[in-house]
Amino acid sequence: MDVGVRLQSIRKLKGLSQRELAKRAGVTNSTISMIEKNSVSPSISSLKKVLGGIPMSLMEFFSHDLEAETCAPVVYRAAEQVELSRGPLSMRLIGKDHPDRALAFLSVTYPPGADSGETLLVRDGEEAGILVEGRLELQVGEQRYILESGDGYYLVAGQPHRFCNPFAAPARLLSAATPAHC
């Protein structure tokens, strides 16, 4: 096994730069570079220290199936989308088991009278969405907005909000949020 090529592949798969991995592992950038170029052959303890920055054990490093991760699903059929809600609204998550998922992408259907709850929601990250069907009320703090089909919204971290459908027809919302809490 080519340790340098493997380290570089795993580092890139995890979305880390050489500099970021070096910082996390407590080694120099040149150490990572030399290992990846096979200029040096790291000791087990050195490799273990570097892998701690990913984080990954030696056993995972030597047995990790890179092909399985790079072949993550691209299409999620309707039947494969995970239903997250138990109440009147339908909240379907796309890509639940996707490796290293960084966002939550949801399709939410609000039947007439349904809402996201009495309590305003507050996210750690950003959220954006577009109403693709019906009408929906969005409350942000004390302000209320009526979204029509085709209207979108964008919320930053910490903005308290909630959705409700006081209208006679169902509303369907597509939204994406970071970080992925679902």
N, C-alpha and C. Protein backbone atom coordinates (compact mmCIF):
# COMPACT_ATOMS: atom_id res chain seq x y z
N MET A 1 0.84 -1.19 0.00
CA MET A 1 0.00 0.00 0.00
C MET A 1 0.88 1.24 0.00
N ASP A 2 0.52 2.22 -0.81
CA ASP A 2 1.23 3.49 -0.88
C ASP A 2 0.63 4.41 0.18
N VAL A 3 1.34 4.55 1.31
CA VAL A 3 0.84 5.33 2.45
C VAL A 3 0.62 6.79 2.07
N GLY A 4 1.53 7.38 1.30
CA GLY A 4 1.40 8.78 0.92
C GLY A 4 0.18 9.06 0.08
N VAL A 5 -0.04 8.23 -0.94
CA VAL A 5 -1.20 8.39 -1.82
C VAL A 5 -2.48 8.18 -1.03
N ARG A 6 -2.47 7.18 -0.16
CA ARG A 6 -3.66 6.89 0.64
C ARG A 6 -3.98 8.05 1.59
N LEU A 7 -2.97 8.60 2.25
CA LEU A 7 -3.20 9.73 3.15
C LEU A 7 -3.77 10.92 2.37
N GLN A 8 -3.19 11.19 1.22
CA GLN A 8 -3.67 12.31 0.40
C GLN A 8 -5.12 12.09 -0.03
N SER A 9 -5.46 10.88 -0.44
CA SER A 9 -6.83 10.57 -0.87
C SER A 9 -7.82 10.74 0.27
N ILE A 10 -7.47 10.24 1.44
CA ILE A 10 -8.38 10.36 2.59
C ILE A 10 -8.50 11.81 3.02
N ARG A 11 -7.39 12.54 3.04
CA ARG A 11 -7.41 13.96 3.42
C ARG A 11 -8.34 14.73 2.50
N LYS A 12 -8.20 14.51 1.19
CA LYS A 12 -9.05 15.22 0.23
C LYS A 12 -10.51 14.79 0.34
N LEU A 13 -10.75 13.50 0.57
CA LEU A 13 -12.09 12.99 0.74
C LEU A 13 -12.79 13.65 1.93
N LYS A 14 -12.01 13.94 2.96
CA LYS A 14 -12.55 14.59 4.16
C LYS A 14 -12.59 16.11 4.03
N GLY A 15 -12.13 16.63 2.89
CA GLY A 15 -12.20 18.06 2.64
C GLY A 15 -11.19 18.88 3.42
N LEU A 16 -10.04 18.29 3.73
CA LEU A 16 -9.01 18.98 4.50
C LEU A 16 -7.84 19.39 3.61
N SER A 17 -7.31 20.58 3.82
CA SER A 17 -6.08 21.00 3.15
C SER A 17 -4.92 20.41 3.93
N GLN A 18 -3.73 20.41 3.34
CA GLN A 18 -2.55 19.95 4.07
C GLN A 18 -2.34 20.82 5.32
N ARG A 19 -2.53 22.12 5.16
CA ARG A 19 -2.34 23.05 6.27
C ARG A 19 -3.32 22.75 7.41
N GLU A 20 -4.60 22.50 7.08
CA GLU A 20 -5.61 22.22 8.10
C GLU A 20 -5.31 20.91 8.82
N LEU A 21 -4.93 19.88 8.07
CA LEU A 21 -4.60 18.60 8.69
C LEU A 21 -3.38 18.75 9.60
N ALA A 22 -2.37 19.47 9.15
CA ALA A 22 -1.16 19.69 9.96
C ALA A 22 -1.52 20.39 11.27
N LYS A 23 -2.36 21.41 11.17
CA LYS A 23 -2.78 22.17 12.36
C LYS A 23 -3.52 21.27 13.34
N ARG A 24 -4.46 20.49 12.81
CA ARG A 24 -5.24 19.59 13.66
C ARG A 24 -4.37 18.51 14.32
N ALA A 25 -3.38 18.03 13.57
CA ALA A 25 -2.54 16.93 14.06
C ALA A 25 -1.38 17.43 14.92
N GLY A 26 -1.10 18.73 14.88
CA GLY A 26 0.01 19.27 15.66
C GLY A 26 1.37 18.97 15.04
N VAL A 27 1.42 18.95 13.70
CA VAL A 27 2.68 18.73 12.98
C VAL A 27 2.85 19.87 11.98
N THR A 28 3.98 19.91 11.31
CA THR A 28 4.22 20.96 10.33
C THR A 28 3.57 20.61 8.99
N ASN A 29 3.34 21.64 8.19
CA ASN A 29 2.79 21.42 6.84
C ASN A 29 3.73 20.54 6.03
N SER A 30 5.02 20.77 6.19
CA SER A 30 6.00 20.01 5.40
C SER A 30 5.97 18.53 5.76
N THR A 31 5.62 18.20 7.00
CA THR A 31 5.51 16.78 7.39
C THR A 31 4.43 16.10 6.57
N ILE A 32 3.26 16.75 6.46
CA ILE A 32 2.16 16.18 5.68
C ILE A 32 2.59 16.06 4.22
N SER A 33 3.19 17.11 3.70
CA SER A 33 3.62 17.13 2.30
C SER A 33 4.62 16.01 2.01
N MET A 34 5.61 15.85 2.89
CA MET A 34 6.64 14.81 2.68
C MET A 34 6.05 13.41 2.75
N ILE A 35 5.09 13.19 3.66
CA ILE A 35 4.45 11.87 3.75
C ILE A 35 3.67 11.59 2.47
N GLU A 36 2.90 12.58 2.00
CA GLU A 36 2.08 12.39 0.80
C GLU A 36 2.93 12.20 -0.45
N LYS A 37 4.12 12.79 -0.49
CA LYS A 37 5.01 12.62 -1.65
C LYS A 37 5.90 11.40 -1.51
N ASN A 38 5.74 10.68 -0.39
CA ASN A 38 6.58 9.53 -0.07
C ASN A 38 8.06 9.89 0.04
N SER A 39 8.35 11.16 0.42
CA SER A 39 9.73 11.58 0.66
C SER A 39 10.24 11.00 1.96
N VAL A 40 9.31 10.75 2.88
CA VAL A 40 9.64 10.11 4.16
C VAL A 40 8.64 8.98 4.39
N SER A 41 9.08 8.01 5.13
CA SER A 41 8.20 6.92 5.53
C SER A 41 7.91 7.12 7.02
N PRO A 42 6.69 7.50 7.37
CA PRO A 42 6.42 7.83 8.77
C PRO A 42 6.44 6.60 9.67
N SER A 43 6.86 6.82 10.91
CA SER A 43 6.77 5.74 11.90
C SER A 43 5.30 5.54 12.22
N ILE A 44 5.00 4.44 12.86
CA ILE A 44 3.62 4.16 13.26
C ILE A 44 3.10 5.26 14.16
N SER A 45 3.93 5.70 15.13
CA SER A 45 3.48 6.74 16.05
C SER A 45 3.26 8.07 15.32
N SER A 46 4.12 8.39 14.33
CA SER A 46 3.93 9.63 13.56
C SER A 46 2.66 9.57 12.73
N LEU A 47 2.44 8.43 12.08
CA LEU A 47 1.25 8.27 11.26
C LEU A 47 0.00 8.35 12.14
N LYS A 48 0.07 7.74 13.32
CA LYS A 48 -1.06 7.77 14.25
C LYS A 48 -1.37 9.21 14.66
N LYS A 49 -0.34 10.01 14.89
CA LYS A 49 -0.51 11.42 15.26
C LYS A 49 -1.19 12.19 14.12
N VAL A 50 -0.73 11.97 12.90
CA VAL A 50 -1.30 12.64 11.73
C VAL A 50 -2.76 12.23 11.56
N LEU A 51 -3.04 10.94 11.69
CA LEU A 51 -4.41 10.44 11.52
C LEU A 51 -5.34 10.97 12.60
N GLY A 52 -4.79 11.32 13.76
CA GLY A 52 -5.60 11.91 14.83
C GLY A 52 -6.23 13.22 14.40
N GLY A 53 -5.63 13.89 13.43
CA GLY A 53 -6.18 15.14 12.93
C GLY A 53 -7.34 14.95 11.98
N ILE A 54 -7.62 13.73 11.54
CA ILE A 54 -8.71 13.52 10.56
C ILE A 54 -10.09 13.46 11.22
N PRO A 55 -10.39 12.80 12.28
CA PRO A 55 -9.74 11.74 13.04
C PRO A 55 -10.01 10.36 12.43
N MET A 56 -8.98 9.50 12.56
CA MET A 56 -9.07 8.16 12.02
C MET A 56 -8.02 7.28 12.71
N SER A 57 -8.39 6.06 13.03
CA SER A 57 -7.45 5.14 13.66
C SER A 57 -6.55 4.50 12.60
N LEU A 58 -5.46 3.89 13.05
CA LEU A 58 -4.58 3.17 12.13
C LEU A 58 -5.34 2.05 11.43
N MET A 59 -6.17 1.35 12.19
CA MET A 59 -6.93 0.25 11.61
C MET A 59 -7.86 0.76 10.50
N GLU A 60 -8.53 1.89 10.75
CA GLU A 60 -9.40 2.46 9.72
C GLU A 60 -8.59 2.88 8.50
N PHE A 61 -7.41 3.46 8.74
CA PHE A 61 -6.57 3.95 7.65
C PHE A 61 -6.18 2.80 6.71
N PHE A 62 -5.80 1.69 7.30
CA PHE A 62 -5.35 0.57 6.48
C PHE A 62 -6.48 -0.29 5.94
N SER A 63 -7.68 -0.15 6.51
CA SER A 63 -8.79 -0.96 6.01
C SER A 63 -9.91 -0.12 5.42
N HIS A 64 -9.80 1.18 5.48
CA HIS A 64 -10.83 2.12 5.01
C HIS A 64 -11.11 1.89 3.52
N ASP A 65 -12.38 1.72 3.18
CA ASP A 65 -12.78 1.48 1.80
C ASP A 65 -13.10 2.82 1.12
N LEU A 66 -12.10 3.37 0.45
CA LEU A 66 -12.27 4.66 -0.22
C LEU A 66 -13.29 4.58 -1.34
N GLU A 67 -13.33 3.47 -2.01
CA GLU A 67 -14.26 3.32 -3.13
C GLU A 67 -15.70 3.41 -2.68
N ALA A 68 -15.99 2.86 -1.48
CA ALA A 68 -17.37 2.91 -0.99
C ALA A 68 -17.80 4.35 -0.73
N GLU A 69 -16.88 5.16 -0.18
CA GLU A 69 -17.22 6.56 0.11
C GLU A 69 -17.36 7.39 -1.15
N THR A 70 -16.53 7.11 -2.14
CA THR A 70 -16.62 7.91 -3.36
C THR A 70 -17.81 7.50 -4.21
N CYS A 71 -18.44 6.37 -3.88
CA CYS A 71 -19.60 5.91 -4.63
C CYS A 71 -20.89 6.17 -3.85
N ALA A 72 -20.92 7.25 -3.10
CA ALA A 72 -22.13 7.60 -2.34
C ALA A 72 -23.27 7.81 -3.33
N PRO A 73 -24.49 7.52 -2.89
CA PRO A 73 -25.63 7.70 -3.79
C PRO A 73 -25.73 9.12 -4.30
N VAL A 74 -26.20 9.26 -5.51
CA VAL A 74 -26.43 10.56 -6.12
C VAL A 74 -27.93 10.84 -6.14
N VAL A 75 -28.70 9.82 -6.44
CA VAL A 75 -30.15 9.95 -6.54
C VAL A 75 -30.79 9.29 -5.32
N TYR A 76 -31.75 9.97 -4.72
CA TYR A 76 -32.51 9.43 -3.60
C TYR A 76 -33.97 9.38 -4.03
N ARG A 77 -34.44 8.20 -4.33
CA ARG A 77 -35.81 8.00 -4.78
C ARG A 77 -36.78 8.38 -3.66
N ALA A 78 -37.99 8.71 -4.02
CA ALA A 78 -38.99 9.13 -3.04
C ALA A 78 -39.11 8.12 -1.90
N ALA A 79 -39.09 6.84 -2.23
CA ALA A 79 -39.24 5.80 -1.21
C ALA A 79 -38.02 5.71 -0.29
N GLU A 80 -36.88 6.27 -0.70
CA GLU A 80 -35.65 6.22 0.10
C GLU A 80 -35.48 7.44 1.00
N GLN A 81 -36.31 8.45 0.82
CA GLN A 81 -36.20 9.66 1.62
C GLN A 81 -36.79 9.39 3.01
N VAL A 82 -36.04 9.77 4.03
CA VAL A 82 -36.42 9.48 5.40
C VAL A 82 -37.48 10.47 5.89
N GLU A 83 -38.58 9.94 6.42
CA GLU A 83 -39.64 10.77 7.00
C GLU A 83 -39.22 11.10 8.43
N LEU A 84 -39.11 12.39 8.76
CA LEU A 84 -38.64 12.82 10.07
C LEU A 84 -39.76 13.21 11.04
N SER A 85 -40.95 13.45 10.54
CA SER A 85 -42.01 13.95 11.42
C SER A 85 -43.04 12.86 11.72
N ARG A 86 -43.78 13.10 12.80
CA ARG A 86 -44.83 12.16 13.20
C ARG A 86 -46.19 12.83 13.29
N GLY A 87 -46.23 14.12 13.09
CA GLY A 87 -47.48 14.85 13.22
C GLY A 87 -48.16 15.01 11.88
N PRO A 88 -48.95 16.06 11.76
CA PRO A 88 -49.69 16.27 10.52
C PRO A 88 -48.81 16.67 9.33
N LEU A 89 -47.66 17.29 9.62
CA LEU A 89 -46.82 17.69 8.48
C LEU A 89 -45.87 16.57 8.10
N SER A 90 -45.48 16.58 6.84
CA SER A 90 -44.54 15.58 6.32
C SER A 90 -43.21 16.28 6.09
N MET A 91 -42.15 15.76 6.72
CA MET A 91 -40.81 16.32 6.59
C MET A 91 -39.88 15.21 6.12
N ARG A 92 -39.47 15.30 4.85
CA ARG A 92 -38.64 14.25 4.25
C ARG A 92 -37.22 14.77 4.05
N LEU A 93 -36.24 13.99 4.54
CA LEU A 93 -34.83 14.35 4.44
C LEU A 93 -34.21 13.62 3.26
N ILE A 94 -33.51 14.37 2.43
CA ILE A 94 -32.82 13.78 1.28
C ILE A 94 -31.35 13.60 1.64
N GLY A 95 -30.83 12.38 1.48
CA GLY A 95 -29.42 12.11 1.73
C GLY A 95 -29.06 11.82 3.17
N LYS A 96 -29.96 11.26 3.96
CA LYS A 96 -29.73 11.00 5.39
C LYS A 96 -28.42 10.27 5.64
N ASP A 97 -28.12 9.23 4.89
CA ASP A 97 -26.94 8.41 5.13
C ASP A 97 -25.75 8.79 4.26
N HIS A 98 -25.79 9.96 3.63
CA HIS A 98 -24.69 10.39 2.78
C HIS A 98 -23.47 10.66 3.66
N PRO A 99 -22.28 10.11 3.31
CA PRO A 99 -21.09 10.32 4.14
C PRO A 99 -20.72 11.80 4.19
N ASP A 100 -20.35 12.26 5.37
CA ASP A 100 -19.89 13.64 5.59
C ASP A 100 -20.90 14.68 5.14
N ARG A 101 -22.18 14.37 5.30
CA ARG A 101 -23.25 15.29 4.91
C ARG A 101 -23.10 16.59 5.70
N ALA A 102 -23.05 17.72 5.01
CA ALA A 102 -22.82 19.01 5.65
C ALA A 102 -24.09 19.85 5.74
N LEU A 103 -25.17 19.42 5.10
CA LEU A 103 -26.40 20.20 5.18
C LEU A 103 -27.59 19.28 5.25
N ALA A 104 -28.67 19.84 5.73
CA ALA A 104 -29.94 19.12 5.75
C ALA A 104 -30.79 19.69 4.62
N PHE A 105 -31.19 18.84 3.69
CA PHE A 105 -32.04 19.26 2.59
C PHE A 105 -33.39 18.59 2.78
N LEU A 106 -34.43 19.40 2.95
CA LEU A 106 -35.74 18.89 3.32
C LEU A 106 -36.83 19.27 2.34
N SER A 107 -37.79 18.37 2.20
CA SER A 107 -39.04 18.65 1.50
C SER A 107 -40.11 18.54 2.57
N VAL A 108 -40.78 19.66 2.86
CA VAL A 108 -41.75 19.70 3.95
C VAL A 108 -43.12 20.07 3.40
N THR A 109 -44.12 19.24 3.71
CA THR A 109 -45.49 19.51 3.30
C THR A 109 -46.31 19.87 4.54
N TYR A 110 -46.92 21.06 4.49
CA TYR A 110 -47.77 21.56 5.57
C TYR A 110 -49.22 21.47 5.12
N PRO A 111 -50.00 20.51 5.66
CA PRO A 111 -51.42 20.49 5.33
C PRO A 111 -52.10 21.73 5.94
N PRO A 112 -53.31 22.05 5.53
CA PRO A 112 -54.02 23.17 6.14
C PRO A 112 -54.06 23.03 7.67
N GLY A 113 -53.70 24.12 8.36
CA GLY A 113 -53.72 24.12 9.83
C GLY A 113 -52.45 23.63 10.49
N ALA A 114 -51.51 23.06 9.73
CA ALA A 114 -50.28 22.53 10.33
C ALA A 114 -49.26 23.64 10.55
N ASP A 115 -48.38 23.42 11.51
CA ASP A 115 -47.30 24.38 11.76
C ASP A 115 -46.06 23.66 12.26
N SER A 116 -44.97 24.40 12.37
CA SER A 116 -43.69 23.82 12.83
C SER A 116 -43.60 23.76 14.35
N GLY A 117 -44.66 24.19 15.04
CA GLY A 117 -44.68 24.14 16.51
C GLY A 117 -44.93 25.52 17.09
N GLU A 118 -45.37 25.55 18.33
CA GLU A 118 -45.66 26.82 19.00
C GLU A 118 -44.39 27.61 19.28
N THR A 119 -43.30 26.91 19.59
CA THR A 119 -42.04 27.55 19.93
C THR A 119 -41.29 27.94 18.66
N LEU A 120 -40.72 29.14 18.68
CA LEU A 120 -39.91 29.57 17.54
C LEU A 120 -38.64 28.72 17.49
N LEU A 121 -38.25 28.31 16.28
CA LEU A 121 -37.06 27.51 16.06
C LEU A 121 -35.84 28.44 15.96
N VAL A 122 -34.71 28.00 16.49
CA VAL A 122 -33.46 28.76 16.37
C VAL A 122 -32.39 27.78 15.93
N ARG A 123 -31.74 28.07 14.80
CA ARG A 123 -30.70 27.20 14.25
C ARG A 123 -29.33 27.75 14.56
N ASP A 124 -28.35 26.83 14.63
CA ASP A 124 -26.95 27.23 14.81
C ASP A 124 -26.34 27.75 13.52
N GLY A 125 -26.93 27.37 12.39
CA GLY A 125 -26.38 27.74 11.09
C GLY A 125 -27.40 28.50 10.26
N GLU A 126 -27.20 28.45 8.96
CA GLU A 126 -28.06 29.16 8.03
C GLU A 126 -29.13 28.23 7.48
N GLU A 127 -30.23 28.83 7.03
CA GLU A 127 -31.32 28.07 6.42
C GLU A 127 -31.91 28.91 5.29
N ALA A 128 -32.19 28.27 4.18
CA ALA A 128 -32.83 28.94 3.06
C ALA A 128 -33.84 27.97 2.45
N GLY A 129 -34.86 28.54 1.84
CA GLY A 129 -35.86 27.67 1.23
C GLY A 129 -36.68 28.41 0.20
N ILE A 130 -37.48 27.61 -0.49
CA ILE A 130 -38.39 28.16 -1.50
C ILE A 130 -39.71 27.39 -1.40
N LEU A 131 -40.79 28.15 -1.44
CA LEU A 131 -42.11 27.54 -1.40
C LEU A 131 -42.45 27.13 -2.83
N VAL A 132 -42.70 25.85 -3.04
CA VAL A 132 -42.95 25.36 -4.40
C VAL A 132 -44.43 25.13 -4.68
N GLU A 133 -45.24 25.16 -3.61
CA GLU A 133 -46.67 24.92 -3.80
C GLU A 133 -47.45 25.54 -2.64
N GLY A 134 -48.54 26.20 -2.92
CA GLY A 134 -49.42 26.74 -1.89
C GLY A 134 -48.97 28.08 -1.34
N ARG A 135 -49.45 28.37 -0.13
CA ARG A 135 -49.11 29.58 0.61
C ARG A 135 -48.72 29.16 2.01
N LEU A 136 -47.83 29.94 2.65
CA LEU A 136 -47.32 29.57 3.97
C LEU A 136 -46.97 30.85 4.72
N GLU A 137 -47.24 30.85 6.01
CA GLU A 137 -46.87 31.99 6.85
C GLU A 137 -45.52 31.69 7.51
N LEU A 138 -44.61 32.64 7.41
CA LEU A 138 -43.29 32.56 8.05
C LEU A 138 -43.23 33.65 9.10
N GLN A 139 -42.95 33.27 10.34
CA GLN A 139 -42.75 34.24 11.41
C GLN A 139 -41.27 34.26 11.75
N VAL A 140 -40.67 35.45 11.70
CA VAL A 140 -39.27 35.64 12.08
C VAL A 140 -39.27 36.68 13.19
N GLY A 141 -38.97 36.24 14.41
CA GLY A 141 -39.11 37.13 15.56
C GLY A 141 -40.57 37.52 15.69
N GLU A 142 -40.86 38.81 15.69
CA GLU A 142 -42.24 39.30 15.78
C GLU A 142 -42.84 39.57 14.40
N GLN A 143 -42.02 39.55 13.37
CA GLN A 143 -42.46 39.87 12.00
C GLN A 143 -43.09 38.63 11.34
N ARG A 144 -44.21 38.82 10.63
CA ARG A 144 -44.87 37.73 9.91
C ARG A 144 -44.87 38.05 8.42
N TYR A 145 -44.60 37.00 7.62
CA TYR A 145 -44.58 37.13 6.16
C TYR A 145 -45.47 36.06 5.56
N ILE A 146 -46.15 36.38 4.47
CA ILE A 146 -46.91 35.38 3.73
C ILE A 146 -46.09 35.02 2.49
N LEU A 147 -45.70 33.76 2.41
CA LEU A 147 -44.96 33.27 1.25
C LEU A 147 -45.95 32.70 0.24
N GLU A 148 -45.79 33.08 -1.00
CA GLU A 148 -46.59 32.55 -2.11
C GLU A 148 -45.70 31.56 -2.87
N SER A 149 -46.29 30.70 -3.65
CA SER A 149 -45.52 29.75 -4.46
C SER A 149 -44.46 30.49 -5.27
N GLY A 150 -43.22 30.05 -5.16
CA GLY A 150 -42.10 30.69 -5.85
C GLY A 150 -41.30 31.62 -4.96
N ASP A 151 -41.86 32.05 -3.82
CA ASP A 151 -41.14 32.92 -2.89
C ASP A 151 -40.12 32.12 -2.10
N GLY A 152 -39.03 32.77 -1.76
CA GLY A 152 -37.98 32.13 -0.97
C GLY A 152 -37.66 32.93 0.27
N TYR A 153 -36.85 32.35 1.15
CA TYR A 153 -36.40 33.02 2.37
C TYR A 153 -34.97 32.60 2.66
N TYR A 154 -34.29 33.40 3.48
CA TYR A 154 -32.92 33.09 3.89
C TYR A 154 -32.76 33.57 5.33
N LEU A 155 -32.42 32.65 6.22
CA LEU A 155 -32.25 32.96 7.63
C LEU A 155 -30.81 32.72 8.05
N VAL A 156 -30.28 33.61 8.88
CA VAL A 156 -28.93 33.43 9.41
C VAL A 156 -29.03 32.80 10.79
N ALA A 157 -27.89 32.34 11.30
CA ALA A 157 -27.84 31.68 12.61
C ALA A 157 -28.48 32.56 13.68
N GLY A 158 -29.28 31.94 14.52
CA GLY A 158 -29.86 32.64 15.66
C GLY A 158 -31.18 33.34 15.42
N GLN A 159 -31.67 33.40 14.18
CA GLN A 159 -32.95 34.06 13.92
C GLN A 159 -34.10 33.14 14.32
N PRO A 160 -34.87 33.51 15.34
CA PRO A 160 -36.00 32.66 15.75
C PRO A 160 -37.12 32.74 14.70
N HIS A 161 -37.66 31.57 14.35
CA HIS A 161 -38.67 31.52 13.30
C HIS A 161 -39.59 30.32 13.46
N ARG A 162 -40.71 30.38 12.75
CA ARG A 162 -41.63 29.25 12.69
C ARG A 162 -42.47 29.38 11.43
N PHE A 163 -43.02 28.25 11.00
CA PHE A 163 -43.87 28.21 9.82
C PHE A 163 -45.26 27.75 10.23
N CYS A 164 -46.29 28.26 9.54
CA CYS A 164 -47.63 27.73 9.75
C CYS A 164 -48.45 27.91 8.48
N ASN A 165 -49.41 27.00 8.32
CA ASN A 165 -50.28 27.05 7.14
C ASN A 165 -51.72 27.29 7.60
N PRO A 166 -52.14 28.58 7.67
CA PRO A 166 -53.52 28.88 8.05
C PRO A 166 -54.47 28.87 6.85
N PHE A 167 -54.00 28.42 5.72
CA PHE A 167 -54.77 28.47 4.47
C PHE A 167 -55.47 27.15 4.20
N ALA A 168 -56.35 27.12 3.20
CA ALA A 168 -57.19 25.95 2.90
C ALA A 168 -56.48 24.87 2.08
N ALA A 169 -55.35 25.21 1.44
CA ALA A 169 -54.65 24.23 0.60
C ALA A 169 -53.30 23.86 1.22
N PRO A 170 -52.80 22.66 0.94
CA PRO A 170 -51.48 22.27 1.44
C PRO A 170 -50.38 23.17 0.85
N ALA A 171 -49.27 23.27 1.58
CA ALA A 171 -48.11 24.03 1.12
C ALA A 171 -46.89 23.11 1.15
N ARG A 172 -46.05 23.20 0.12
CA ARG A 172 -44.83 22.37 0.09
C ARG A 172 -43.62 23.29 -0.02
N LEU A 173 -42.69 23.08 0.90
CA LEU A 173 -41.51 23.91 1.05
C LEU A 173 -40.27 23.04 0.85
N LEU A 174 -39.31 23.53 0.06
CA LEU A 174 -38.01 22.88 -0.05
C LEU A 174 -37.02 23.78 0.67
N SER A 175 -36.22 23.20 1.58
CA SER A 175 -35.28 24.01 2.34
C SER A 175 -33.96 23.28 2.53
N ALA A 176 -32.93 24.07 2.74
CA ALA A 176 -31.59 23.55 3.02
C ALA A 176 -31.06 24.30 4.24
N ALA A 177 -30.38 23.57 5.13
CA ALA A 177 -29.87 24.19 6.35
C ALA A 177 -28.50 23.61 6.69
N THR A 178 -27.66 24.47 7.27
CA THR A 178 -26.38 24.03 7.79
C THR A 178 -26.29 24.43 9.25
N PRO A 179 -25.57 23.74 10.08
CA PRO A 179 -25.05 22.40 9.82
C PRO A 179 -26.17 21.38 9.78
N ALA A 180 -25.85 20.18 9.35
CA ALA A 180 -26.84 19.12 9.19
C ALA A 180 -27.17 18.53 10.55
N HIS A 181 -28.29 18.94 11.14
CA HIS A 181 -28.69 18.41 12.44
C HIS A 181 -29.60 17.21 12.33
N CYS A 182 -30.20 16.99 11.20
CA CYS A 182 -31.19 15.90 11.04
C CYS A 182 -30.49 14.57 10.89
